[in-house]
Structures are given as C-alpha cells and as structure tokens.
Amino acid sequence: QVWLVESGGGLVQAGDSLRLSCAASGRTFRSYGMGWFRQAPGKEREIVAAINWSDSNTYYANSVKGRFTISRDNAKNTVYLQMNSLTPEDTAVYYCAAEQHMGPGVSLGQNEYDYWGQGTQVTVSS
C-alpha cells in the first residue's frame, strides 16, 4: 500500500509559478513510476506529466511541454511538478499517482496507476 499526499496548490495569477509536491509513504517509493494528472471542471481527467522509477524517462502533455517539469527525490519519497507560466487553462484539481512498475517507459493511462492522492486545487486567474 502506498499513500500519496499532494500539496502546493493555490490561487495564482496568469504567468505565475507553482510547485506541487506529492509525498509518498512506504519504503518502496523508488520502485514506482509516478504521474501527475489533472481534472478541470466538466472535463475528463488527463495526464500532465509522468516519470519512470529510475528517473531516466519523462513524459509531458503537449499543453504543458516547456512550462512544466516533473522530478523526483527518492531520498524524500517525493515527486514534484514545477509549473511555470501558468494560464487560466491550467486551472484544475491536480492528482499524483503511483504505478508499481520498474520498466524503462512511463505509463500514460489512468488505469495503469495503482495508487492516487486526494488532489490539490490549482486556480489561475487572468
């Protein structure tokens, strides 16, 4: 069992930056691939970024490429999402997710992830 707790969300203005954190319980964090998803009102949950267990592979949705950076610190059992140049279109609840997978790739589908956090709200005003 892995427990995930997100933090760092809030209300910011367009152009601002935020860093989301996802703290994981358990001693096997380093064996999990991690993903950040988001869900805006009235829309389906979508993947934002993902990182594999060894930090050798990452993925970014086209909408955030060049603005967001996913990273992980296995010593702290934490994955981060640095979000720069935020726009109102980034407004959503952001979720982190963990997948027990030690392959070279990253997983993009929600169904591939085993554990989810409760989410943190990010609101970007224009």
N, C-alpha and C. Protein backbone atom coordinates (compact mmCIF):
# COMPACT_ATOMS: atom_id res chain seq x y z
N GLN A 1 0.85 -1.20 0.00
CA GLN A 1 0.00 0.00 0.00
C GLN A 1 0.88 1.25 0.00
N VAL A 2 0.52 2.19 -0.82
CA VAL A 2 1.23 3.47 -0.89
C VAL A 2 0.23 4.58 -0.67
N TRP A 3 0.53 5.47 0.24
CA TRP A 3 -0.31 6.63 0.48
C TRP A 3 0.35 7.84 -0.15
N LEU A 4 -0.43 8.63 -0.87
CA LEU A 4 0.09 9.79 -1.58
C LEU A 4 -0.64 11.04 -1.08
N VAL A 5 0.11 12.07 -0.77
CA VAL A 5 -0.46 13.33 -0.30
C VAL A 5 0.13 14.48 -1.10
N GLU A 6 -0.75 15.16 -1.84
CA GLU A 6 -0.31 16.30 -2.63
C GLU A 6 -0.36 17.59 -1.81
N SER A 7 0.46 18.53 -2.17
CA SER A 7 0.43 19.86 -1.56
C SER A 7 1.00 20.86 -2.56
N GLY A 8 0.80 22.15 -2.25
CA GLY A 8 1.38 23.19 -3.07
C GLY A 8 0.43 23.92 -4.00
N GLY A 9 -0.81 23.46 -4.06
CA GLY A 9 -1.78 24.14 -4.90
C GLY A 9 -2.17 25.48 -4.32
N GLY A 10 -2.93 26.25 -5.09
CA GLY A 10 -3.38 27.54 -4.61
C GLY A 10 -3.94 28.40 -5.72
N LEU A 11 -4.18 29.65 -5.39
CA LEU A 11 -4.70 30.63 -6.34
C LEU A 11 -3.57 31.56 -6.76
N VAL A 12 -3.31 31.61 -8.05
CA VAL A 12 -2.24 32.46 -8.58
C VAL A 12 -2.76 33.21 -9.80
N GLN A 13 -1.96 34.16 -10.25
CA GLN A 13 -2.31 34.91 -11.45
C GLN A 13 -1.61 34.31 -12.66
N ALA A 14 -2.17 34.60 -13.81
CA ALA A 14 -1.56 34.13 -15.05
C ALA A 14 -0.11 34.60 -15.13
N GLY A 15 0.76 33.70 -15.53
CA GLY A 15 2.18 34.00 -15.61
C GLY A 15 2.98 33.59 -14.39
N ASP A 16 2.29 33.31 -13.31
CA ASP A 16 2.96 32.91 -12.07
C ASP A 16 3.41 31.45 -12.14
N SER A 17 4.12 31.05 -11.10
CA SER A 17 4.61 29.68 -10.99
C SER A 17 4.11 29.05 -9.69
N LEU A 18 4.02 27.74 -9.70
CA LEU A 18 3.71 26.95 -8.52
C LEU A 18 4.53 25.67 -8.59
N ARG A 19 4.85 25.13 -7.41
CA ARG A 19 5.47 23.81 -7.37
C ARG A 19 4.60 22.90 -6.52
N LEU A 20 4.09 21.86 -7.16
CA LEU A 20 3.32 20.86 -6.45
C LEU A 20 4.26 19.77 -5.93
N SER A 21 3.93 19.26 -4.77
CA SER A 21 4.68 18.15 -4.19
C SER A 21 3.73 17.00 -3.92
N CYS A 22 4.25 15.80 -4.01
CA CYS A 22 3.48 14.60 -3.70
C CYS A 22 4.36 13.73 -2.83
N ALA A 23 4.01 13.63 -1.57
CA ALA A 23 4.77 12.82 -0.62
C ALA A 23 4.17 11.43 -0.55
N ALA A 24 5.01 10.44 -0.64
CA ALA A 24 4.56 9.06 -0.63
C ALA A 24 5.03 8.33 0.62
N SER A 25 4.18 7.47 1.12
CA SER A 25 4.58 6.63 2.24
C SER A 25 5.23 5.37 1.70
N GLY A 26 5.86 4.64 2.57
CA GLY A 26 6.41 3.36 2.16
C GLY A 26 7.86 3.41 1.76
N ARG A 27 8.53 2.27 1.92
CA ARG A 27 9.97 2.20 1.65
C ARG A 27 10.27 1.80 0.22
N THR A 28 9.22 1.55 -0.59
CA THR A 28 9.46 1.10 -1.96
C THR A 28 9.15 2.17 -2.97
N PHE A 29 9.16 3.42 -2.56
CA PHE A 29 8.82 4.52 -3.47
C PHE A 29 9.68 4.49 -4.72
N ARG A 30 10.93 4.13 -4.56
CA ARG A 30 11.86 4.17 -5.69
C ARG A 30 11.52 3.16 -6.78
N SER A 31 10.64 2.23 -6.49
CA SER A 31 10.26 1.23 -7.48
C SER A 31 8.99 1.60 -8.23
N TYR A 32 8.45 2.78 -7.96
CA TYR A 32 7.19 3.20 -8.57
C TYR A 32 7.41 4.25 -9.65
N GLY A 33 6.72 4.05 -10.76
CA GLY A 33 6.58 5.14 -11.71
C GLY A 33 5.54 6.11 -11.17
N MET A 34 5.72 7.40 -11.44
CA MET A 34 4.84 8.41 -10.89
C MET A 34 4.26 9.27 -12.00
N GLY A 35 3.04 9.70 -11.79
CA GLY A 35 2.39 10.57 -12.77
C GLY A 35 1.63 11.69 -12.10
N TRP A 36 1.51 12.78 -12.81
CA TRP A 36 0.63 13.88 -12.41
C TRP A 36 -0.51 13.96 -13.42
N PHE A 37 -1.72 13.99 -12.92
CA PHE A 37 -2.92 14.14 -13.74
C PHE A 37 -3.64 15.40 -13.27
N ARG A 38 -4.57 15.86 -14.09
CA ARG A 38 -5.42 16.98 -13.66
C ARG A 38 -6.82 16.81 -14.23
N GLN A 39 -7.76 17.40 -13.53
CA GLN A 39 -9.14 17.37 -13.98
C GLN A 39 -9.76 18.73 -13.78
N ALA A 40 -10.13 19.35 -14.88
CA ALA A 40 -10.79 20.64 -14.86
C ALA A 40 -12.29 20.43 -14.77
N PRO A 41 -13.04 21.42 -14.29
CA PRO A 41 -14.49 21.28 -14.18
C PRO A 41 -15.12 20.93 -15.53
N GLY A 42 -15.94 19.89 -15.52
CA GLY A 42 -16.63 19.49 -16.72
C GLY A 42 -15.80 18.73 -17.72
N LYS A 43 -14.56 18.43 -17.37
CA LYS A 43 -13.67 17.72 -18.29
C LYS A 43 -13.19 16.42 -17.66
N GLU A 44 -12.70 15.54 -18.52
CA GLU A 44 -12.15 14.28 -18.03
C GLU A 44 -10.74 14.50 -17.47
N ARG A 45 -10.36 13.59 -16.59
CA ARG A 45 -9.02 13.63 -16.04
C ARG A 45 -8.02 13.33 -17.15
N GLU A 46 -6.94 14.09 -17.19
CA GLU A 46 -5.93 13.91 -18.23
C GLU A 46 -4.54 13.88 -17.61
N ILE A 47 -3.67 13.19 -18.29
CA ILE A 47 -2.30 13.13 -17.81
C ILE A 47 -1.59 14.44 -18.13
N VAL A 48 -0.76 14.88 -17.21
CA VAL A 48 0.02 16.09 -17.38
C VAL A 48 1.49 15.74 -17.61
N ALA A 49 2.02 14.88 -16.73
CA ALA A 49 3.43 14.52 -16.81
C ALA A 49 3.64 13.19 -16.09
N ALA A 50 4.68 12.49 -16.46
CA ALA A 50 4.99 11.22 -15.83
C ALA A 50 6.50 11.03 -15.80
N ILE A 51 6.95 10.24 -14.83
CA ILE A 51 8.37 9.97 -14.69
C ILE A 51 8.52 8.51 -14.28
N ASN A 52 9.49 7.83 -14.86
CA ASN A 52 9.62 6.42 -14.52
C ASN A 52 10.39 6.25 -13.22
N TRP A 53 10.51 5.01 -12.78
CA TRP A 53 11.05 4.73 -11.45
C TRP A 53 12.49 5.17 -11.31
N SER A 54 13.25 5.08 -12.41
CA SER A 54 14.68 5.37 -12.34
C SER A 54 15.02 6.79 -12.74
N ASP A 55 14.00 7.60 -12.98
CA ASP A 55 14.22 9.00 -13.38
C ASP A 55 14.96 9.09 -14.71
N SER A 56 14.84 8.08 -15.54
CA SER A 56 15.52 8.08 -16.83
C SER A 56 14.59 8.41 -17.99
N ASN A 57 13.31 8.54 -17.70
CA ASN A 57 12.33 8.79 -18.76
C ASN A 57 11.20 9.64 -18.21
N THR A 58 10.83 10.66 -18.97
CA THR A 58 9.72 11.51 -18.58
C THR A 58 8.80 11.72 -19.78
N TYR A 59 7.60 12.13 -19.47
CA TYR A 59 6.59 12.45 -20.49
C TYR A 59 5.88 13.73 -20.08
N TYR A 60 5.54 14.55 -21.09
CA TYR A 60 4.77 15.76 -20.85
C TYR A 60 3.66 15.85 -21.90
N ALA A 61 2.49 16.23 -21.45
CA ALA A 61 1.42 16.54 -22.38
C ALA A 61 1.83 17.76 -23.21
N ASN A 62 1.36 17.81 -24.43
CA ASN A 62 1.73 18.92 -25.31
C ASN A 62 1.34 20.27 -24.71
N SER A 63 0.25 20.28 -23.98
CA SER A 63 -0.24 21.55 -23.43
C SER A 63 0.67 22.14 -22.35
N VAL A 64 1.55 21.32 -21.78
CA VAL A 64 2.41 21.81 -20.70
C VAL A 64 3.89 21.72 -21.05
N LYS A 65 4.20 21.15 -22.18
CA LYS A 65 5.59 20.96 -22.55
C LYS A 65 6.31 22.30 -22.63
N GLY A 66 7.47 22.36 -22.01
CA GLY A 66 8.24 23.60 -21.98
C GLY A 66 7.89 24.51 -20.82
N ARG A 67 6.79 24.22 -20.12
CA ARG A 67 6.38 25.05 -18.98
C ARG A 67 6.44 24.28 -17.66
N PHE A 68 6.14 22.99 -17.71
CA PHE A 68 6.10 22.16 -16.51
C PHE A 68 7.29 21.21 -16.50
N THR A 69 7.76 20.89 -15.29
CA THR A 69 8.84 19.94 -15.11
C THR A 69 8.50 18.98 -13.99
N ILE A 70 8.57 17.69 -14.29
CA ILE A 70 8.36 16.68 -13.26
C ILE A 70 9.72 16.19 -12.79
N SER A 71 9.83 15.95 -11.49
CA SER A 71 11.08 15.43 -10.95
C SER A 71 10.75 14.61 -9.71
N ARG A 72 11.73 13.85 -9.25
CA ARG A 72 11.51 13.03 -8.07
C ARG A 72 12.76 13.03 -7.21
N ASP A 73 12.53 12.89 -5.92
CA ASP A 73 13.62 12.78 -4.95
C ASP A 73 13.33 11.51 -4.15
N ASN A 74 13.98 10.44 -4.52
CA ASN A 74 13.70 9.16 -3.87
C ASN A 74 14.12 9.16 -2.40
N ALA A 75 15.10 9.95 -2.04
CA ALA A 75 15.51 10.03 -0.64
C ALA A 75 14.42 10.64 0.23
N LYS A 76 13.59 11.49 -0.39
CA LYS A 76 12.50 12.13 0.34
C LYS A 76 11.14 11.53 0.00
N ASN A 77 11.13 10.47 -0.80
CA ASN A 77 9.85 9.84 -1.20
C ASN A 77 8.88 10.87 -1.76
N THR A 78 9.37 11.75 -2.60
CA THR A 78 8.56 12.85 -3.08
C THR A 78 8.74 13.04 -4.58
N VAL A 79 7.64 13.33 -5.25
CA VAL A 79 7.68 13.72 -6.65
C VAL A 79 7.14 15.14 -6.75
N TYR A 80 7.71 15.92 -7.64
CA TYR A 80 7.37 17.33 -7.78
C TYR A 80 6.84 17.62 -9.17
N LEU A 81 6.06 18.69 -9.25
CA LEU A 81 5.66 19.22 -10.54
C LEU A 81 5.86 20.74 -10.48
N GLN A 82 6.91 21.20 -11.12
CA GLN A 82 7.18 22.63 -11.21
C GLN A 82 6.38 23.18 -12.39
N MET A 83 5.54 24.15 -12.10
CA MET A 83 4.66 24.71 -13.12
C MET A 83 4.97 26.19 -13.30
N ASN A 84 5.42 26.55 -14.48
CA ASN A 84 5.77 27.94 -14.80
C ASN A 84 4.82 28.48 -15.86
N SER A 85 4.78 29.80 -15.96
CA SER A 85 3.97 30.46 -16.99
C SER A 85 2.54 29.93 -16.99
N LEU A 86 1.95 29.89 -15.83
CA LEU A 86 0.60 29.33 -15.70
C LEU A 86 -0.43 30.19 -16.44
N THR A 87 -1.41 29.54 -16.98
CA THR A 87 -2.51 30.20 -17.67
C THR A 87 -3.83 29.74 -17.05
N PRO A 88 -4.92 30.46 -17.29
CA PRO A 88 -6.22 30.03 -16.75
C PRO A 88 -6.60 28.62 -17.21
N GLU A 89 -6.10 28.20 -18.35
CA GLU A 89 -6.39 26.84 -18.84
C GLU A 89 -5.74 25.75 -17.99
N ASP A 90 -4.82 26.13 -17.12
CA ASP A 90 -4.20 25.16 -16.22
C ASP A 90 -5.01 24.96 -14.94
N THR A 91 -6.08 25.70 -14.78
CA THR A 91 -6.93 25.56 -13.61
C THR A 91 -7.55 24.17 -13.56
N ALA A 92 -7.34 23.47 -12.46
CA ALA A 92 -7.82 22.10 -12.33
C ALA A 92 -7.45 21.58 -10.94
N VAL A 93 -8.00 20.42 -10.61
CA VAL A 93 -7.51 19.66 -9.47
C VAL A 93 -6.39 18.76 -9.99
N TYR A 94 -5.26 18.83 -9.34
CA TYR A 94 -4.09 18.05 -9.76
C TYR A 94 -3.92 16.86 -8.82
N TYR A 95 -3.72 15.70 -9.43
CA TYR A 95 -3.56 14.45 -8.69
C TYR A 95 -2.21 13.83 -9.01
N CYS A 96 -1.58 13.25 -8.02
CA CYS A 96 -0.43 12.41 -8.32
C CYS A 96 -0.85 10.95 -8.19
N ALA A 97 -0.15 10.12 -8.90
CA ALA A 97 -0.48 8.70 -8.94
C ALA A 97 0.81 7.89 -9.01
N ALA A 98 0.73 6.67 -8.50
CA ALA A 98 1.89 5.79 -8.45
C ALA A 98 1.57 4.46 -9.11
N GLU A 99 2.52 3.96 -9.87
CA GLU A 99 2.38 2.68 -10.52
C GLU A 99 3.60 1.83 -10.16
N GLN A 100 3.33 0.62 -9.68
CA GLN A 100 4.43 -0.28 -9.32
C GLN A 100 4.96 -0.92 -10.59
N HIS A 101 5.94 -0.24 -11.17
CA HIS A 101 6.45 -0.66 -12.48
C HIS A 101 7.88 -0.19 -12.60
N MET A 102 8.79 -1.11 -12.86
CA MET A 102 10.21 -0.77 -12.94
C MET A 102 10.75 -0.90 -14.36
N GLY A 103 9.90 -0.71 -15.33
CA GLY A 103 10.35 -0.74 -16.70
C GLY A 103 10.94 0.59 -17.13
N PRO A 104 11.47 0.65 -18.33
CA PRO A 104 12.11 1.87 -18.82
C PRO A 104 11.13 2.96 -19.24
N GLY A 105 9.92 2.59 -19.55
CA GLY A 105 8.96 3.57 -20.05
C GLY A 105 8.14 4.21 -18.96
N VAL A 106 7.26 5.10 -19.38
CA VAL A 106 6.31 5.72 -18.47
C VAL A 106 4.91 5.33 -18.90
N SER A 107 3.99 5.34 -17.96
CA SER A 107 2.61 4.98 -18.24
C SER A 107 1.77 6.24 -18.38
N LEU A 108 0.89 6.23 -19.37
CA LEU A 108 0.09 7.41 -19.67
C LEU A 108 -1.38 7.25 -19.32
N GLY A 109 -1.82 6.02 -19.12
CA GLY A 109 -3.23 5.79 -18.86
C GLY A 109 -3.55 5.73 -17.38
N GLN A 110 -4.71 6.28 -17.02
CA GLN A 110 -5.12 6.29 -15.62
C GLN A 110 -5.20 4.88 -15.06
N ASN A 111 -5.67 3.95 -15.87
CA ASN A 111 -5.89 2.59 -15.40
C ASN A 111 -4.59 1.86 -15.09
N GLU A 112 -3.49 2.41 -15.52
CA GLU A 112 -2.20 1.78 -15.26
C GLU A 112 -1.64 2.14 -13.90
N TYR A 113 -2.22 3.10 -13.26
CA TYR A 113 -1.72 3.54 -11.96
C TYR A 113 -2.48 2.85 -10.83
N ASP A 114 -1.74 2.51 -9.80
CA ASP A 114 -2.29 1.71 -8.71
C ASP A 114 -2.78 2.54 -7.54
N TYR A 115 -2.16 3.68 -7.29
CA TYR A 115 -2.48 4.48 -6.12
C TYR A 115 -2.62 5.94 -6.52
N TRP A 116 -3.53 6.64 -5.82
CA TRP A 116 -3.84 8.03 -6.13
C TRP A 116 -3.87 8.87 -4.86
N GLY A 117 -3.47 10.13 -5.00
CA GLY A 117 -3.64 11.08 -3.94
C GLY A 117 -5.02 11.69 -3.98
N GLN A 118 -5.29 12.57 -3.02
CA GLN A 118 -6.61 13.16 -2.89
C GLN A 118 -6.79 14.39 -3.78
N GLY A 119 -5.70 14.90 -4.32
CA GLY A 119 -5.77 16.05 -5.22
C GLY A 119 -5.52 17.37 -4.53
N THR A 120 -5.02 18.32 -5.30
CA THR A 120 -4.81 19.67 -4.81
C THR A 120 -5.29 20.65 -5.88
N GLN A 121 -6.01 21.67 -5.45
CA GLN A 121 -6.63 22.61 -6.40
C GLN A 121 -5.61 23.65 -6.84
N VAL A 122 -5.55 23.86 -8.13
CA VAL A 122 -4.76 24.94 -8.71
C VAL A 122 -5.72 25.83 -9.48
N THR A 123 -5.76 27.10 -9.13
CA THR A 123 -6.63 28.06 -9.80
C THR A 123 -5.77 29.21 -10.30
N VAL A 124 -5.88 29.48 -11.60
CA VAL A 124 -5.10 30.54 -12.23
C VAL A 124 -6.06 31.59 -12.73
N SER A 125 -5.93 32.79 -12.21
CA SER A 125 -6.80 33.89 -12.64
C SER A 125 -6.14 34.67 -13.76
N SER A 126 -6.98 35.25 -14.60
CA SER A 126 -6.47 36.00 -15.75
C SER A 126 -6.21 37.46 -15.40
